[in-house]
């Protein structure tokens, strides 16, 4: 169970990847809402 052994490491690795992906998804979601 490496998830419980260091739950902080996987969370920190996911945080930096979620930040750059959010801005790319935001413009796409805004365009979808504007078209609707």
C-alpha atoms as a PDB file:
ATOM      1  CA  UNK A   1       0.000   0.000   0.000  1.00  0.00           C
ATOM      2  CA  UNK A   2       2.289   2.802  -1.186  1.00  0.00           C
ATOM      3  CA  UNK A   3      -0.685   5.139  -1.334  1.00  0.00           C
ATOM      4  CA  UNK A   4      -0.919   5.193   2.457  1.00  0.00           C
ATOM      5  CA  UNK A   5       2.846   5.134   2.962  1.00  0.00           C
ATOM      6  CA  UNK A   6       3.269   8.581   1.321  1.00  0.00           C
ATOM      7  CA  UNK A   7      -0.096  10.110   0.409  1.00  0.00           C
ATOM      8  CA  UNK A   8       1.580  13.519   0.315  1.00  0.00           C
ATOM      9  CA  UNK A   9       3.889  12.658  -2.580  1.00  0.00           C
ATOM     10  CA  UNK A  10       1.187  11.554  -5.055  1.00  0.00           C
ATOM     11  CA  UNK A  11      -0.999  14.513  -4.071  1.00  0.00           C
ATOM     12  CA  UNK A  12       1.831  17.005  -4.715  1.00  0.00           C
ATOM     13  CA  UNK A  13       2.576  15.399  -8.090  1.00  0.00           C
ATOM     14  CA  UNK A  14      -1.086  15.606  -9.101  1.00  0.00           C
ATOM     15  CA  UNK A  15      -1.439  19.247  -7.949  1.00  0.00           C
ATOM     16  CA  UNK A  16       1.094  20.712 -10.419  1.00  0.00           C
ATOM     17  CA  UNK A  17      -0.451  18.732 -13.288  1.00  0.00           C
ATOM     18  CA  UNK A  18      -3.993  19.800 -12.410  1.00  0.00           C
ATOM     19  CA  UNK A  19      -3.075  23.516 -12.378  1.00  0.00           C
ATOM     20  CA  UNK A  20      -1.749  23.648 -15.988  1.00  0.00           C
ATOM     21  CA  UNK A  21      -4.595  21.469 -17.222  1.00  0.00           C
ATOM     22  CA  UNK A  22      -7.314  23.644 -15.624  1.00  0.00           C
ATOM     23  CA  UNK A  23      -6.493  26.807 -17.615  1.00  0.00           C
ATOM     24  CA  UNK A  24      -6.571  24.800 -20.862  1.00  0.00           C
ATOM     25  CA  UNK A  25      -9.971  23.305 -19.998  1.00  0.00           C
ATOM     26  CA  UNK A  26     -11.390  26.658 -18.848  1.00  0.00           C
ATOM     27  CA  UNK A  27     -11.238  28.319 -22.305  1.00  0.00           C
ATOM     28  CA  UNK A  28     -12.815  25.215 -23.844  1.00  0.00           C
ATOM     29  CA  UNK A  29     -15.644  25.185 -21.276  1.00  0.00           C
ATOM     30  CA  UNK A  30     -16.255  28.920 -21.780  1.00  0.00           C
ATOM     31  CA  UNK A  31     -16.502  28.429 -25.553  1.00  0.00           C
ATOM     32  CA  UNK A  32     -18.977  25.580 -25.067  1.00  0.00           C
ATOM     33  CA  UNK A  33     -21.128  27.709 -22.767  1.00  0.00           C
ATOM     34  CA  UNK A  34     -20.998  30.681 -25.162  1.00  0.00           C
ATOM     35  CA  UNK A  35     -22.077  28.491 -28.100  1.00  0.00           C
ATOM     36  CA  UNK A  36     -24.959  27.034 -26.114  1.00  0.00           C
END
